[in-house]
Amino acid sequence: MSEILAGVDLSQASDAELMRLERQIARKYMNRLSIPMVLWPLTNIAVWLSLWPLVLTGTLSLWVAFPIACFNLLVAYLPSHDAQHDSYARVGERLRWLNEFIGHASSFLLAYSYRVLRETHLQHHKHANDPELDPDALFNTAKTGWQSIKNTIRSYQPDSPEARSYMDTIMRLNTPNALRGLKDQLLIMTIYHAVLFTMAANGLALEAALLWWVPLKLAAIYLRYYLSWAPHVGAGRGRYRDTKSFKSIFGHTGTSGMTAHVVHHLHPRIPHNRTVKAFKEMLPILRARNVDLGGH
């Protein structure tokens, strides 16, 4: 039982009192640097980079490296996601450089511009589930999980609506930072394709495919399914309605903590590794708010 909620009759609490208690709980998990969320991206990036020389020198079998690379890319996004919300440090704070380094470095594994991801993701939070303004809306309208996977695969085609969604948002924003993101994206894609084509031209197409191209596609399916579709499908609009909780046979860990995504939308600066704990402590308040908790 939360010490903050001990002795409080939430059924009689006003909206203002519920908000005060909710923010008090959230503050417990914010405003402290999360060391695990620092070690996570640094270790993950180092492991993925080490796979390349190990495979190319024959020290490590490609077929051992392949699932490791898949895992590396699957977990690469969440540290960048924390950085997008300034969870490591806000503008002007001493560790702001760390926030930006983790954001850029983690996003590079996914062959994506950190600035593009940040600008579009903040729009997702601002306009969650708005079919016109939420850049993730097209991915979250799928009626079934299989349709969600199909939509992600379709997004691999440059002319698909899903593929254009983020770029359309960047052009709509038309801010200096958004346009810098476009330049970043061009540079990153140039490097990405240069690596793939150079390796293929030198007889290393399979190595390039299994260390980056295929893991990237598989990671995209997982990330779109659990980090976007599952917590938003069927959700409405508004602070306590634009996302929902759900249960999975894979639990909190297997779904990257997205079963607690409700709390992330309410308090996005809570570091990712603390979100589930905050969710569990906040559950009575969420129930009082009639949030869709998916059986929790």
C-alpha atoms as a PDB file:
ATOM      1  CA  MET A   1       0.000   0.000   0.000  1.00  0.00           C
ATOM      2  CA  SER A   2       1.286   3.448  -0.860  1.00  0.00           C
ATOM      3  CA  GLU A   3       2.252   5.511   2.188  1.00  0.00           C
ATOM      4  CA  ILE A   4       0.962   8.559   0.352  1.00  0.00           C
ATOM      5  CA  LEU A   5      -2.506   7.029  -0.014  1.00  0.00           C
ATOM      6  CA  ALA A   6      -2.668   5.478   3.463  1.00  0.00           C
ATOM      7  CA  GLY A   7      -5.846   6.498   5.241  1.00  0.00           C
ATOM      8  CA  VAL A   8      -7.223   8.412   2.237  1.00  0.00           C
ATOM      9  CA  ASP A   9     -10.768   7.608   1.097  1.00  0.00           C
ATOM     10  CA  LEU A  10     -10.364   8.114  -2.638  1.00  0.00           C
ATOM     11  CA  SER A  11     -14.077   7.592  -3.256  1.00  0.00           C
ATOM     12  CA  GLN A  12     -14.693  10.866  -1.430  1.00  0.00           C
ATOM     13  CA  ALA A  13     -11.693  12.752  -2.848  1.00  0.00           C
ATOM     14  CA  SER A  14     -12.223  15.699  -5.163  1.00  0.00           C
ATOM     15  CA  ASP A  15     -10.563  15.966  -8.569  1.00  0.00           C
ATOM     16  CA  ALA A  16      -8.110  18.464  -7.094  1.00  0.00           C
ATOM     17  CA  GLU A  17      -7.214  16.099  -4.244  1.00  0.00           C
ATOM     18  CA  LEU A  18      -6.767  13.165  -6.641  1.00  0.00           C
ATOM     19  CA  MET A  19      -4.472  15.292  -8.787  1.00  0.00           C
ATOM     20  CA  ARG A  20      -2.432  16.363  -5.756  1.00  0.00           C
ATOM     21  CA  LEU A  21      -1.938  12.757  -4.644  1.00  0.00           C
ATOM     22  CA  GLU A  22      -1.150  11.621  -8.177  1.00  0.00           C
ATOM     23  CA  ARG A  23       1.542  14.273  -8.576  1.00  0.00           C
ATOM     24  CA  GLN A  24       2.960  13.485  -5.150  1.00  0.00           C
ATOM     25  CA  ILE A  25       3.435   9.856  -6.169  1.00  0.00           C
ATOM     26  CA  ALA A  26       4.893  10.847  -9.539  1.00  0.00           C
ATOM     27  CA  ARG A  27       7.468  13.108  -7.878  1.00  0.00           C
ATOM     28  CA  LYS A  28       8.826  10.098  -5.977  1.00  0.00           C
ATOM     29  CA  TYR A  29       9.975   8.598  -9.267  1.00  0.00           C
ATOM     30  CA  MET A  30      11.067  11.759 -11.092  1.00  0.00           C
ATOM     31  CA  ASN A  31      13.867  14.283 -10.710  1.00  0.00           C
ATOM     32  CA  ARG A  32      16.520  11.663  -9.926  1.00  0.00           C
ATOM     33  CA  LEU A  33      18.930  10.354 -12.525  1.00  0.00           C
ATOM     34  CA  SER A  34      18.250   6.676 -13.198  1.00  0.00           C
ATOM     35  CA  ILE A  35      21.617   4.896 -13.313  1.00  0.00           C
ATOM     36  CA  PRO A  36      20.117   1.731 -14.924  1.00  0.00           C
ATOM     37  CA  MET A  37      18.737   3.899 -17.740  1.00  0.00           C
ATOM     38  CA  VAL A  38      22.252   5.296 -18.269  1.00  0.00           C
ATOM     39  CA  LEU A  39      23.964   1.896 -18.255  1.00  0.00           C
ATOM     40  CA  TRP A  40      21.292   0.353 -20.485  1.00  0.00           C
ATOM     41  CA  PRO A  41      22.002   2.354 -23.675  1.00  0.00           C
ATOM     42  CA  LEU A  42      25.756   2.561 -23.160  1.00  0.00           C
ATOM     43  CA  THR A  43      26.031  -1.213 -22.733  1.00  0.00           C
ATOM     44  CA  ASN A  44      23.583  -1.942 -25.532  1.00  0.00           C
ATOM     45  CA  ILE A  45      25.388   0.269 -28.036  1.00  0.00           C
ATOM     46  CA  ALA A  46      28.793  -1.160 -27.068  1.00  0.00           C
ATOM     47  CA  VAL A  47      27.567  -4.736 -27.508  1.00  0.00           C
ATOM     48  CA  TRP A  48      26.014  -4.031 -30.915  1.00  0.00           C
ATOM     49  CA  LEU A  49      29.113  -2.243 -32.200  1.00  0.00           C
ATOM     50  CA  SER A  50      31.339  -5.082 -30.986  1.00  0.00           C
ATOM     51  CA  LEU A  51      29.365  -7.597 -33.035  1.00  0.00           C
ATOM     52  CA  TRP A  52      30.711  -6.163 -36.285  1.00  0.00           C
ATOM     53  CA  PRO A  53      34.452  -6.747 -35.750  1.00  0.00           C
ATOM     54  CA  LEU A  54      33.775 -10.027 -33.951  1.00  0.00           C
ATOM     55  CA  VAL A  55      31.764 -11.386 -36.894  1.00  0.00           C
ATOM     56  CA  LEU A  56      33.990  -9.945 -39.627  1.00  0.00           C
ATOM     57  CA  THR A  57      37.124 -11.437 -38.041  1.00  0.00           C
ATOM     58  CA  GLY A  58      35.476 -14.812 -37.571  1.00  0.00           C
ATOM     59  CA  THR A  59      35.689 -14.606 -33.780  1.00  0.00           C
ATOM     60  CA  LEU A  60      31.922 -14.886 -33.381  1.00  0.00           C
ATOM     61  CA  SER A  61      29.516 -16.872 -35.541  1.00  0.00           C
ATOM     62  CA  LEU A  62      27.094 -14.710 -37.505  1.00  0.00           C
ATOM     63  CA  TRP A  63      24.278 -17.005 -36.370  1.00  0.00           C
ATOM     64  CA  VAL A  64      25.122 -16.275 -32.741  1.00  0.00           C
ATOM     65  CA  ALA A  65      25.466 -12.554 -33.412  1.00  0.00           C
ATOM     66  CA  PHE A  66      22.148 -12.326 -35.269  1.00  0.00           C
ATOM     67  CA  PRO A  67      19.794 -12.843 -32.270  1.00  0.00           C
ATOM     68  CA  ILE A  68      22.017 -10.578 -30.162  1.00  0.00           C
ATOM     69  CA  ALA A  69      21.705  -7.848 -32.796  1.00  0.00           C
ATOM     70  CA  CYS A  70      17.927  -8.330 -32.838  1.00  0.00           C
ATOM     71  CA  PHE A  71      17.818  -7.844 -29.083  1.00  0.00           C
ATOM     72  CA  ASN A  72      20.111  -4.794 -29.290  1.00  0.00           C
ATOM     73  CA  LEU A  73      17.805  -3.034 -31.735  1.00  0.00           C
ATOM     74  CA  LEU A  74      14.668  -4.127 -29.920  1.00  0.00           C
ATOM     75  CA  VAL A  75      15.813  -2.394 -26.705  1.00  0.00           C
ATOM     76  CA  ALA A  76      17.506   0.600 -28.375  1.00  0.00           C
ATOM     77  CA  TYR A  77      14.450   2.829 -28.587  1.00  0.00           C
ATOM     78  CA  LEU A  78      13.455   3.169 -24.931  1.00  0.00           C
ATOM     79  CA  PRO A  79      16.557   5.093 -23.748  1.00  0.00           C
ATOM     80  CA  SER A  80      16.071   7.461 -26.675  1.00  0.00           C
ATOM     81  CA  HIS A  81      12.436   7.747 -25.638  1.00  0.00           C
ATOM     82  CA  ASP A  82      13.487   8.767 -22.124  1.00  0.00           C
ATOM     83  CA  ALA A  83      15.815  11.367 -23.636  1.00  0.00           C
ATOM     84  CA  GLN A  84      12.969  12.725 -25.778  1.00  0.00           C
ATOM     85  CA  HIS A  85      11.191  13.565 -22.518  1.00  0.00           C
ATOM     86  CA  ASP A  86      14.331  15.014 -20.883  1.00  0.00           C
ATOM     87  CA  SER A  87      14.322  12.257 -18.259  1.00  0.00           C
ATOM     88  CA  TYR A  88      18.114  12.330 -17.971  1.00  0.00           C
ATOM     89  CA  ALA A  89      18.384  16.116 -17.762  1.00  0.00           C
ATOM     90  CA  ARG A  90      16.425  19.177 -18.840  1.00  0.00           C
ATOM     91  CA  VAL A  91      17.714  22.076 -20.917  1.00  0.00           C
ATOM     92  CA  GLY A  92      20.262  24.034 -18.894  1.00  0.00           C
ATOM     93  CA  GLU A  93      21.000  21.241 -16.425  1.00  0.00           C
ATOM     94  CA  ARG A  94      24.526  19.916 -15.897  1.00  0.00           C
ATOM     95  CA  LEU A  95      23.911  16.518 -17.506  1.00  0.00           C
ATOM     96  CA  ARG A  96      22.031  17.832 -20.531  1.00  0.00           C
ATOM     97  CA  TRP A  97      24.870  16.561 -22.743  1.00  0.00           C
ATOM     98  CA  LEU A  98      24.201  13.026 -21.469  1.00  0.00           C
ATOM     99  CA  ASN A  99      20.497  13.318 -22.280  1.00  0.00           C
ATOM    100  CA  GLU A 100      21.285  14.353 -25.857  1.00  0.00           C
ATOM    101  CA  PHE A 101      24.104  11.840 -26.344  1.00  0.00           C
ATOM    102  CA  ILE A 102      21.912   8.919 -25.299  1.00  0.00           C
ATOM    103  CA  GLY A 103      19.071  10.209 -27.477  1.00  0.00           C
ATOM    104  CA  HIS A 104      21.204  10.526 -30.616  1.00  0.00           C
ATOM    105  CA  ALA A 105      23.300   7.381 -30.104  1.00  0.00           C
ATOM    106  CA  SER A 106      20.367   5.082 -29.335  1.00  0.00           C
ATOM    107  CA  SER A 107      18.346   6.391 -32.274  1.00  0.00           C
ATOM    108  CA  PHE A 108      21.248   5.802 -34.656  1.00  0.00           C
ATOM    109  CA  LEU A 109      20.975   2.044 -34.110  1.00  0.00           C
ATOM    110  CA  LEU A 110      17.434   2.333 -35.455  1.00  0.00           C
ATOM    111  CA  ALA A 111      18.663   4.380 -38.434  1.00  0.00           C
ATOM    112  CA  TYR A 112      16.488   7.255 -37.287  1.00  0.00           C
ATOM    113  CA  SER A 113      17.067  10.884 -36.387  1.00  0.00           C
ATOM    114  CA  TYR A 114      16.682  11.590 -32.684  1.00  0.00           C
ATOM    115  CA  ARG A 115      15.346  15.051 -33.483  1.00  0.00           C
ATOM    116  CA  VAL A 116      12.683  13.616 -35.792  1.00  0.00           C
ATOM    117  CA  LEU A 117      11.688  11.041 -33.179  1.00  0.00           C
ATOM    118  CA  ARG A 118      11.508  13.680 -30.446  1.00  0.00           C
ATOM    119  CA  GLU A 119       9.515  16.224 -32.455  1.00  0.00           C
ATOM    120  CA  THR A 120       7.002  13.634 -33.678  1.00  0.00           C
ATOM    121  CA  HIS A 121       6.705  11.896 -30.320  1.00  0.00           C
ATOM    122  CA  LEU A 122       5.947  15.126 -28.511  1.00  0.00           C
ATOM    123  CA  GLN A 123       3.217  15.731 -31.069  1.00  0.00           C
ATOM    124  CA  HIS A 124       1.874  12.256 -30.283  1.00  0.00           C
ATOM    125  CA  HIS A 125       1.612  13.213 -26.612  1.00  0.00           C
ATOM    126  CA  LYS A 126       0.039  16.563 -27.406  1.00  0.00           C
ATOM    127  CA  HIS A 127      -2.517  15.143 -29.851  1.00  0.00           C
ATOM    128  CA  ALA A 128      -2.800  11.476 -28.841  1.00  0.00           C
ATOM    129  CA  ASN A 129      -5.257   9.554 -31.049  1.00  0.00           C
ATOM    130  CA  ASP A 130      -6.123  12.590 -33.151  1.00  0.00           C
ATOM    131  CA  PRO A 131      -6.335  11.156 -36.692  1.00  0.00           C
ATOM    132  CA  GLU A 132      -5.107  14.433 -38.178  1.00  0.00           C
ATOM    133  CA  LEU A 133      -2.365  15.517 -35.766  1.00  0.00           C
ATOM    134  CA  ASP A 134      -1.064  12.382 -34.035  1.00  0.00           C
ATOM    135  CA  PRO A 135       1.748  10.953 -36.236  1.00  0.00           C
ATOM    136  CA  ASP A 136       1.179   7.505 -34.687  1.00  0.00           C
ATOM    137  CA  ALA A 137      -2.571   7.463 -35.322  1.00  0.00           C
ATOM    138  CA  LEU A 138      -2.304   5.525 -38.584  1.00  0.00           C
ATOM    139  CA  PHE A 139      -0.457   2.725 -36.814  1.00  0.00           C
ATOM    140  CA  ASN A 140      -2.941   2.535 -33.952  1.00  0.00           C
ATOM    141  CA  THR A 141      -6.195   2.189 -35.883  1.00  0.00           C
ATOM    142  CA  ALA A 142      -5.602  -1.495 -36.696  1.00  0.00           C
ATOM    143  CA  LYS A 143      -8.442  -3.655 -35.376  1.00  0.00           C
ATOM    144  CA  THR A 144      -6.226  -6.640 -34.595  1.00  0.00           C
ATOM    145  CA  GLY A 145      -2.629  -7.322 -33.666  1.00  0.00           C
ATOM    146  CA  TRP A 146      -2.028  -8.982 -37.028  1.00  0.00           C
ATOM    147  CA  GLN A 147      -3.308  -5.879 -38.783  1.00  0.00           C
ATOM    148  CA  SER A 148      -0.903  -3.813 -36.684  1.00  0.00           C
ATOM    149  CA  ILE A 149       1.985  -5.994 -37.867  1.00  0.00           C
ATOM    150  CA  LYS A 150       0.772  -5.697 -41.457  1.00  0.00           C
ATOM    151  CA  ASN A 151       0.658  -1.888 -41.155  1.00  0.00           C
ATOM    152  CA  THR A 152       4.219  -1.825 -39.824  1.00  0.00           C
ATOM    153  CA  ILE A 153       5.432  -3.962 -42.708  1.00  0.00           C
ATOM    154  CA  ARG A 154       3.609  -1.668 -45.133  1.00  0.00           C
ATOM    155  CA  SER A 155       5.444   1.292 -43.559  1.00  0.00           C
ATOM    156  CA  TYR A 156       8.689  -0.120 -45.001  1.00  0.00           C
ATOM    157  CA  GLN A 157       7.461   1.131 -48.388  1.00  0.00           C
ATOM    158  CA  PRO A 158       8.468   4.804 -48.855  1.00  0.00           C
ATOM    159  CA  ASP A 159       5.185   5.784 -50.513  1.00  0.00           C
ATOM    160  CA  SER A 160       2.899   4.283 -47.849  1.00  0.00           C
ATOM    161  CA  PRO A 161       0.784   6.586 -45.640  1.00  0.00           C
ATOM    162  CA  GLU A 162       2.512   5.167 -42.558  1.00  0.00           C
ATOM    163  CA  ALA A 163       5.969   5.928 -43.965  1.00  0.00           C
ATOM    164  CA  ARG A 164       4.962   9.510 -44.749  1.00  0.00           C
ATOM    165  CA  SER A 165       3.305  10.155 -41.392  1.00  0.00           C
ATOM    166  CA  TYR A 166       6.387  11.348 -39.517  1.00  0.00           C
ATOM    167  CA  MET A 167       7.743  13.423 -42.375  1.00  0.00           C
ATOM    168  CA  ASP A 168       4.330  15.038 -42.868  1.00  0.00           C
ATOM    169  CA  THR A 169       4.366  16.017 -39.194  1.00  0.00           C
ATOM    170  CA  ILE A 170       7.873  17.482 -39.466  1.00  0.00           C
ATOM    171  CA  MET A 171       6.868  19.554 -42.494  1.00  0.00           C
ATOM    172  CA  ARG A 172       3.691  20.712 -40.744  1.00  0.00           C
ATOM    173  CA  LEU A 173       5.714  21.870 -37.728  1.00  0.00           C
ATOM    174  CA  ASN A 174       8.317  23.573 -39.945  1.00  0.00           C
ATOM    175  CA  THR A 175      10.389  24.634 -36.913  1.00  0.00           C
ATOM    176  CA  PRO A 176      14.198  25.002 -37.013  1.00  0.00           C
ATOM    177  CA  ASN A 177      14.647  21.923 -34.825  1.00  0.00           C
ATOM    178  CA  ALA A 178      12.239  19.865 -36.918  1.00  0.00           C
ATOM    179  CA  LEU A 179      14.024  20.854 -40.124  1.00  0.00           C
ATOM    180  CA  ARG A 180      17.375  20.016 -38.534  1.00  0.00           C
ATOM    181  CA  GLY A 181      15.882  16.604 -37.902  1.00  0.00           C
ATOM    182  CA  LEU A 182      15.283  16.193 -41.623  1.00  0.00           C
ATOM    183  CA  LYS A 183      18.957  16.939 -42.317  1.00  0.00           C
ATOM    184  CA  ASP A 184      19.962  14.465 -39.609  1.00  0.00           C
ATOM    185  CA  GLN A 185      17.698  11.832 -41.145  1.00  0.00           C
ATOM    186  CA  LEU A 186      19.251  12.307 -44.574  1.00  0.00           C
ATOM    187  CA  LEU A 187      22.750  11.899 -43.136  1.00  0.00           C
ATOM    188  CA  ILE A 188      21.800   8.824 -41.098  1.00  0.00           C
ATOM    189  CA  MET A 189      20.104   7.120 -44.038  1.00  0.00           C
ATOM    190  CA  THR A 190      23.132   7.882 -46.215  1.00  0.00           C
ATOM    191  CA  ILE A 191      25.409   6.193 -43.663  1.00  0.00           C
ATOM    192  CA  TYR A 192      22.999   3.278 -43.219  1.00  0.00           C
ATOM    193  CA  HIS A 193      22.715   2.540 -46.914  1.00  0.00           C
ATOM    194  CA  ALA A 194      26.435   3.139 -47.506  1.00  0.00           C
ATOM    195  CA  VAL A 195      27.223   0.449 -44.921  1.00  0.00           C
ATOM    196  CA  LEU A 196      24.749  -2.014 -46.450  1.00  0.00           C
ATOM    197  CA  PHE A 197      25.822  -1.434 -50.067  1.00  0.00           C
ATOM    198  CA  THR A 198      29.555  -1.371 -49.307  1.00  0.00           C
ATOM    199  CA  MET A 199      29.373  -4.639 -47.415  1.00  0.00           C
ATOM    200  CA  ALA A 200      27.219  -6.230 -50.115  1.00  0.00           C
ATOM    201  CA  ALA A 201      29.684  -5.116 -52.804  1.00  0.00           C
ATOM    202  CA  ASN A 202      32.458  -6.835 -50.855  1.00  0.00           C
ATOM    203  CA  GLY A 203      30.670 -10.144 -50.467  1.00  0.00           C
ATOM    204  CA  LEU A 204      29.309  -9.419 -46.992  1.00  0.00           C
ATOM    205  CA  ALA A 205      25.620  -8.941 -47.805  1.00  0.00           C
ATOM    206  CA  LEU A 206      24.483 -11.632 -45.348  1.00  0.00           C
ATOM    207  CA  GLU A 207      26.513 -10.084 -42.542  1.00  0.00           C
ATOM    208  CA  ALA A 208      25.031  -6.642 -43.251  1.00  0.00           C
ATOM    209  CA  ALA A 209      21.529  -8.070 -43.426  1.00  0.00           C
ATOM    210  CA  LEU A 210      21.711 -10.060 -40.199  1.00  0.00           C
ATOM    211  CA  LEU A 211      23.560  -7.474 -38.132  1.00  0.00           C
ATOM    212  CA  TRP A 212      21.439  -4.454 -39.074  1.00  0.00           C
ATOM    213  CA  TRP A 213      18.790  -4.726 -41.815  1.00  0.00           C
ATOM    214  CA  VAL A 214      16.754  -7.716 -40.590  1.00  0.00           C
ATOM    215  CA  PRO A 215      17.066  -6.858 -36.866  1.00  0.00           C
ATOM    216  CA  LEU A 216      15.864  -3.354 -37.683  1.00  0.00           C
ATOM    217  CA  LYS A 217      12.741  -4.657 -39.435  1.00  0.00           C
ATOM    218  CA  LEU A 218      11.939  -7.151 -36.671  1.00  0.00           C
ATOM    219  CA  ALA A 219      12.484  -4.509 -33.976  1.00  0.00           C
ATOM    220  CA  ALA A 220      10.101  -2.144 -35.788  1.00  0.00           C
ATOM    221  CA  ILE A 221       7.336  -4.763 -35.689  1.00  0.00           C
ATOM    222  CA  TYR A 222       7.797  -5.330 -31.960  1.00  0.00           C
ATOM    223  CA  LEU A 223       8.092  -1.631 -31.128  1.00  0.00           C
ATOM    224  CA  ARG A 224       5.031  -0.636 -33.142  1.00  0.00           C
ATOM    225  CA  TYR A 225       2.991  -3.476 -31.654  1.00  0.00           C
ATOM    226  CA  TYR A 226       3.781  -3.007 -27.982  1.00  0.00           C
ATOM    227  CA  LEU A 227       4.920   0.604 -27.694  1.00  0.00           C
ATOM    228  CA  SER A 228       2.255   2.090 -29.942  1.00  0.00           C
ATOM    229  CA  TRP A 229      -0.667  -0.127 -30.937  1.00  0.00           C
ATOM    230  CA  ALA A 230      -1.367  -2.182 -27.799  1.00  0.00           C
ATOM    231  CA  PRO A 231      -1.643   0.782 -25.363  1.00  0.00           C
ATOM    232  CA  HIS A 232      -3.623   2.973 -27.774  1.00  0.00           C
ATOM    233  CA  VAL A 233      -5.963   0.801 -29.832  1.00  0.00           C
ATOM    234  CA  GLY A 234      -9.539   1.680 -28.961  1.00  0.00           C
ATOM    235  CA  ALA A 235      -8.492   4.512 -26.628  1.00  0.00           C
ATOM    236  CA  GLY A 236     -10.183   7.889 -26.735  1.00  0.00           C
ATOM    237  CA  ARG A 237      -9.040  11.465 -26.244  1.00  0.00           C
ATOM    238  CA  GLY A 238      -8.180  13.334 -23.067  1.00  0.00           C
ATOM    239  CA  ARG A 239      -5.756  13.042 -20.161  1.00  0.00           C
ATOM    240  CA  TYR A 240      -7.188   9.820 -18.682  1.00  0.00           C
ATOM    241  CA  ARG A 241      -8.613   8.387 -21.894  1.00  0.00           C
ATOM    242  CA  ASP A 242      -5.900   8.592 -24.557  1.00  0.00           C
ATOM    243  CA  THR A 243      -4.117   5.408 -23.510  1.00  0.00           C
ATOM    244  CA  LYS A 244      -4.999   2.258 -21.626  1.00  0.00           C
ATOM    245  CA  SER A 245      -3.426  -0.550 -19.697  1.00  0.00           C
ATOM    246  CA  PHE A 246      -3.499  -4.168 -20.843  1.00  0.00           C
ATOM    247  CA  LYS A 247      -2.376  -7.583 -19.700  1.00  0.00           C
ATOM    248  CA  SER A 248      -0.050  -9.868 -21.602  1.00  0.00           C
ATOM    249  CA  ILE A 249       1.300 -13.381 -21.127  1.00  0.00           C
ATOM    250  CA  PHE A 250       4.727 -11.759 -21.435  1.00  0.00           C
ATOM    251  CA  GLY A 251       4.093  -9.535 -18.416  1.00  0.00           C
ATOM    252  CA  HIS A 252       5.551  -6.097 -17.821  1.00  0.00           C
ATOM    253  CA  THR A 253       9.063  -7.115 -18.886  1.00  0.00           C
ATOM    254  CA  GLY A 254       8.149  -8.848 -22.140  1.00  0.00           C
ATOM    255  CA  THR A 255       6.093  -5.866 -23.262  1.00  0.00           C
ATOM    256  CA  SER A 256       8.809  -3.340 -22.352  1.00  0.00           C
ATOM    257  CA  GLY A 257       6.676  -2.035 -19.507  1.00  0.00           C
ATOM    258  CA  MET A 258       3.935  -0.884 -21.863  1.00  0.00           C
ATOM    259  CA  THR A 259       1.265  -2.447 -19.657  1.00  0.00           C
ATOM    260  CA  ALA A 260       1.898   0.658 -17.526  1.00  0.00           C
ATOM    261  CA  HIS A 261       1.892   3.099 -20.458  1.00  0.00           C
ATOM    262  CA  VAL A 262      -0.983   4.990 -18.831  1.00  0.00           C
ATOM    263  CA  VAL A 263       1.441   6.450 -16.293  1.00  0.00           C
ATOM    264  CA  HIS A 264       3.899   7.446 -18.994  1.00  0.00           C
ATOM    265  CA  HIS A 265       1.291   9.627 -20.704  1.00  0.00           C
ATOM    266  CA  LEU A 266       0.335  11.175 -17.376  1.00  0.00           C
ATOM    267  CA  HIS A 267       3.916  11.813 -16.217  1.00  0.00           C
ATOM    268  CA  PRO A 268       6.308  11.335 -19.153  1.00  0.00           C
ATOM    269  CA  ARG A 269       9.453  12.410 -17.287  1.00  0.00           C
ATOM    270  CA  ILE A 270       9.360   9.349 -15.009  1.00  0.00           C
ATOM    271  CA  PRO A 271      12.331   7.206 -16.167  1.00  0.00           C
ATOM    272  CA  HIS A 272      11.243   4.090 -18.001  1.00  0.00           C
ATOM    273  CA  ASN A 273      12.549   1.617 -15.420  1.00  0.00           C
ATOM    274  CA  ARG A 274      10.438   3.277 -12.705  1.00  0.00           C
ATOM    275  CA  THR A 275       7.178   3.490 -14.633  1.00  0.00           C
ATOM    276  CA  VAL A 276       5.805   0.097 -13.585  1.00  0.00           C
ATOM    277  CA  LYS A 277       6.467   0.845  -9.888  1.00  0.00           C
ATOM    278  CA  ALA A 278       4.757   4.221 -10.256  1.00  0.00           C
ATOM    279  CA  PHE A 279       1.838   2.515 -12.018  1.00  0.00           C
ATOM    280  CA  LYS A 280       1.358   0.003  -9.195  1.00  0.00           C
ATOM    281  CA  GLU A 281       1.432   2.726  -6.541  1.00  0.00           C
ATOM    282  CA  MET A 282      -0.924   4.925  -8.547  1.00  0.00           C
ATOM    283  CA  LEU A 283      -3.466   2.177  -9.314  1.00  0.00           C
ATOM    284  CA  PRO A 284      -6.064   3.238  -6.700  1.00  0.00           C
ATOM    285  CA  ILE A 285      -6.069   6.774  -8.107  1.00  0.00           C
ATOM    286  CA  LEU A 286      -6.351   5.485 -11.666  1.00  0.00           C
ATOM    287  CA  ARG A 287      -9.313   3.319 -10.636  1.00  0.00           C
ATOM    288  CA  ALA A 288     -10.927   6.363  -9.022  1.00  0.00           C
ATOM    289  CA  ARG A 289     -10.440   8.165 -12.335  1.00  0.00           C
ATOM    290  CA  ASN A 290     -12.128   5.279 -14.213  1.00  0.00           C
ATOM    291  CA  VAL A 291      -9.045   4.741 -16.370  1.00  0.00           C
ATOM    292  CA  ASP A 292      -9.158   1.686 -18.644  1.00  0.00           C
ATOM    293  CA  LEU A 293      -6.799  -0.589 -16.719  1.00  0.00           C
ATOM    294  CA  GLY A 294      -7.290  -3.754 -18.753  1.00  0.00           C
ATOM    295  CA  GLY A 295      -8.035  -5.937 -15.734  1.00  0.00           C
ATOM    296  CA  HIS A 296      -5.290  -4.632 -13.439  1.00  0.00           C
END
